[in-house]
Amino acid sequence: MIMRHMHLSAPTVWLPRLSTFVLAALAAGSAVFWALHLSAPAGSAALPAVDTQPAVLTDTAAVVRALGGAAASVSVASPVLASSRFVLAGVIAGQSQHGASLISVDGKPPKPYVVGARVGEEWVLRSVQPRRAVLVHLDATGQPPATGGTELVLEMPLPSALNGKNGLRPP
């Protein structure tokens, strides 16, 4: 028996070619996904949660009165509340603790402050050091105390590349 030349129509030829291409692309995509997923460090899978809610201010005098205490004996712990208000973004420090720093107040964009400048309503920048700024709380007269006083130390976080991962040590 002699076979005649078989003629295939265009849709019949392209359907297997197209389906083979789609399956090959899906297989390659799956291989790339799993290669990237399995080679990623274990700690990079989940990002840390960031609280975007503003801090809740509590009227401590009202709480003391409600619990039966005298409101006059209440002292507000401003350093604890203040530590969540300020974020150190950058420091330019000299050898004699003079310089400037970039500080973000209450979630606003950071602004530059020189040593001795008022930061917020009740704090003054006392000194700067590499990766650190020291704020001091104003006294009752609105002046920074000469020595002592309530201090708040702001430290810059380590960059993610220098936090001990990838074999690098922090400075």
Protein backbone atom coordinates (compact mmCIF):
# COMPACT_ATOMS: atom_id res chain seq x y z
CA MET A 1 0.00 0.00 0.00
CA ILE A 2 1.30 3.36 -0.94
CA MET A 3 0.76 6.22 1.47
CA ARG A 4 -0.09 9.48 0.08
CA HIS A 5 1.35 12.69 1.43
CA MET A 6 -0.73 13.68 4.42
CA HIS A 7 -1.78 17.27 4.55
CA LEU A 8 -2.40 18.81 8.00
CA SER A 9 -4.35 21.97 8.44
CA ALA A 10 -2.79 25.00 10.24
CA PRO A 11 -4.85 24.70 13.48
CA THR A 12 -3.91 21.04 13.75
CA VAL A 13 -0.17 21.85 13.55
CA TRP A 14 -0.15 24.84 15.89
CA LEU A 15 -2.25 23.38 18.69
CA PRO A 16 0.39 20.86 19.85
CA ARG A 17 3.17 23.41 19.43
CA LEU A 18 1.34 26.05 21.46
CA SER A 19 0.37 23.65 24.25
CA THR A 20 3.96 22.34 24.43
CA PHE A 21 5.28 25.91 24.70
CA VAL A 22 2.78 26.82 27.48
CA LEU A 23 3.63 23.68 29.47
CA ALA A 24 7.38 24.32 29.08
CA ALA A 25 6.95 27.95 30.24
CA LEU A 26 4.94 26.83 33.28
CA ALA A 27 7.57 24.22 34.17
CA ALA A 28 10.39 26.79 33.84
CA GLY A 29 8.47 29.33 35.95
CA SER A 30 7.83 26.74 38.62
CA ALA A 31 11.50 25.75 38.68
CA VAL A 32 12.61 29.38 39.03
CA PHE A 33 10.07 30.03 41.82
CA TRP A 34 11.16 27.03 43.86
CA ALA A 35 14.86 27.74 43.28
CA LEU A 36 14.43 31.30 44.58
CA HIS A 37 12.16 30.22 47.42
CA LEU A 38 14.48 27.48 48.67
CA SER A 39 17.67 29.55 48.34
CA ALA A 40 16.31 32.55 50.32
CA PRO A 41 17.51 32.94 53.94
CA ALA A 42 15.04 31.71 56.55
CA GLY A 43 14.72 35.10 58.29
CA SER A 44 13.80 37.06 55.17
CA ALA A 45 10.45 35.36 54.63
CA ALA A 46 8.48 37.53 57.04
CA LEU A 47 8.92 41.26 57.53
CA PRO A 48 8.56 42.66 61.05
CA ALA A 49 5.20 44.13 61.87
CA VAL A 50 5.05 47.90 62.26
CA ASP A 51 2.47 49.49 64.49
CA THR A 52 0.97 52.43 62.60
CA GLN A 53 -1.47 53.33 65.37
CA PRO A 54 -0.56 56.44 67.36
CA ALA A 55 0.35 55.92 71.01
CA VAL A 56 -2.63 56.12 73.33
CA LEU A 57 -2.20 58.85 75.92
CA THR A 58 -3.73 58.00 79.27
CA ASP A 59 -4.82 60.61 81.77
CA THR A 60 -2.96 59.20 84.74
CA ALA A 61 -4.56 61.66 87.16
CA ALA A 62 -8.03 60.38 86.21
CA VAL A 63 -6.90 56.78 86.65
CA VAL A 64 -5.48 57.53 90.10
CA ARG A 65 -8.69 59.31 91.13
CA ALA A 66 -10.75 56.36 89.86
CA LEU A 67 -8.65 53.97 91.93
CA GLY A 68 -9.06 56.10 95.05
CA GLY A 69 -5.67 57.84 95.14
CA ALA A 70 -4.80 61.52 95.34
CA ALA A 71 -4.20 63.09 91.92
CA ALA A 72 -1.53 65.45 93.26
CA SER A 73 0.84 62.57 94.00
CA VAL A 74 1.01 61.50 90.35
CA SER A 75 4.24 62.01 88.43
CA VAL A 76 4.08 61.43 84.72
CA ALA A 77 6.77 59.13 83.37
CA SER A 78 7.62 61.28 80.35
CA PRO A 79 10.84 59.43 79.38
CA VAL A 80 8.92 56.23 78.75
CA LEU A 81 6.38 58.01 76.57
CA ALA A 82 9.07 60.16 74.96
CA SER A 83 11.12 57.17 73.85
CA SER A 84 8.35 56.23 71.43
CA ARG A 85 8.04 59.82 70.14
CA PHE A 86 11.59 60.25 68.84
CA VAL A 87 13.46 58.30 66.16
CA LEU A 88 17.10 59.05 65.40
CA ALA A 89 17.69 59.05 61.63
CA GLY A 90 21.25 60.39 61.41
CA VAL A 91 24.14 61.94 63.32
CA ILE A 92 27.05 64.23 62.48
CA ALA A 93 29.29 64.08 65.53
CA GLY A 94 32.65 65.67 66.25
CA GLN A 95 35.24 64.71 68.85
CA SER A 96 33.84 67.09 71.51
CA GLN A 97 30.22 65.83 71.39
CA HIS A 98 29.21 68.83 69.28
CA GLY A 99 27.44 68.34 66.02
CA ALA A 100 23.95 67.78 64.70
CA SER A 101 21.43 65.01 64.35
CA LEU A 102 18.37 64.15 62.26
CA ILE A 103 15.47 63.34 64.57
CA SER A 104 11.93 62.41 63.66
CA VAL A 105 9.36 63.67 66.20
CA ASP A 106 5.93 62.01 66.45
CA GLY A 107 6.29 60.17 63.15
CA LYS A 108 6.95 63.32 61.11
CA PRO A 109 9.84 63.52 58.63
CA PRO A 110 13.23 63.93 60.34
CA LYS A 111 14.59 67.44 60.87
CA PRO A 112 18.14 68.54 61.67
CA TYR A 113 18.88 69.67 65.24
CA VAL A 114 22.19 71.08 66.49
CA VAL A 115 23.44 70.50 70.04
CA GLY A 116 21.52 72.86 72.34
CA ALA A 117 18.42 73.07 70.11
CA ARG A 118 14.96 72.34 71.40
CA VAL A 119 13.53 69.03 70.15
CA GLY A 120 9.78 68.86 70.51
CA GLU A 121 8.20 70.84 73.33
CA GLU A 122 10.05 69.56 76.40
CA TRP A 123 13.42 68.24 75.24
CA VAL A 124 16.82 69.69 74.26
CA LEU A 125 19.61 67.96 72.33
CA ARG A 126 22.43 67.77 74.89
CA SER A 127 25.13 65.88 72.97
CA VAL A 128 25.79 63.69 69.97
CA GLN A 129 28.14 60.77 69.49
CA PRO A 130 28.58 58.39 66.58
CA ARG A 131 25.20 56.64 66.07
CA ARG A 132 23.79 58.20 69.28
CA ALA A 133 22.08 61.40 70.47
CA VAL A 134 21.29 62.39 74.06
CA LEU A 135 18.20 64.48 74.83
CA VAL A 136 17.58 66.11 78.21
CA HIS A 137 14.17 67.04 79.61
CA LEU A 138 13.55 70.72 80.36
CA ASP A 139 13.05 71.65 84.01
CA ALA A 140 10.10 73.59 85.46
CA THR A 141 11.55 76.93 84.30
CA GLY A 142 11.77 75.71 80.70
CA GLN A 143 15.56 75.56 80.73
CA PRO A 144 17.75 72.49 80.33
CA PRO A 145 19.48 71.53 83.58
CA ALA A 146 23.23 72.19 83.66
CA THR A 147 23.95 68.65 84.82
CA GLY A 148 21.82 65.60 85.48
CA GLY A 149 18.14 65.80 84.71
CA THR A 150 16.08 63.24 82.87
CA GLU A 151 18.02 62.04 79.84
CA LEU A 152 16.79 60.12 76.84
CA VAL A 153 19.39 58.32 74.74
CA LEU A 154 18.44 57.77 71.10
CA GLU A 155 20.46 55.19 69.16
CA MET A 156 20.44 54.56 65.45
CA PRO A 157 19.48 51.03 64.42
CA LEU A 158 22.10 49.03 62.60
CA PRO A 159 21.64 48.81 58.85
CA SER A 160 20.27 45.44 57.77
CA ALA A 161 23.50 44.64 55.92
CA LEU A 162 25.55 45.07 59.11
CA ASN A 163 23.37 43.32 61.66
CA GLY A 164 25.37 40.11 61.70
CA LYS A 165 23.83 38.52 58.61
CA ASN A 166 25.86 37.63 55.54
CA GLY A 167 29.00 37.17 57.64
CA LEU A 168 29.47 40.91 58.27
CA ARG A 169 30.09 42.23 61.74
CA PRO A 170 28.55 45.42 63.14
CA PRO A 171 30.97 48.37 63.50
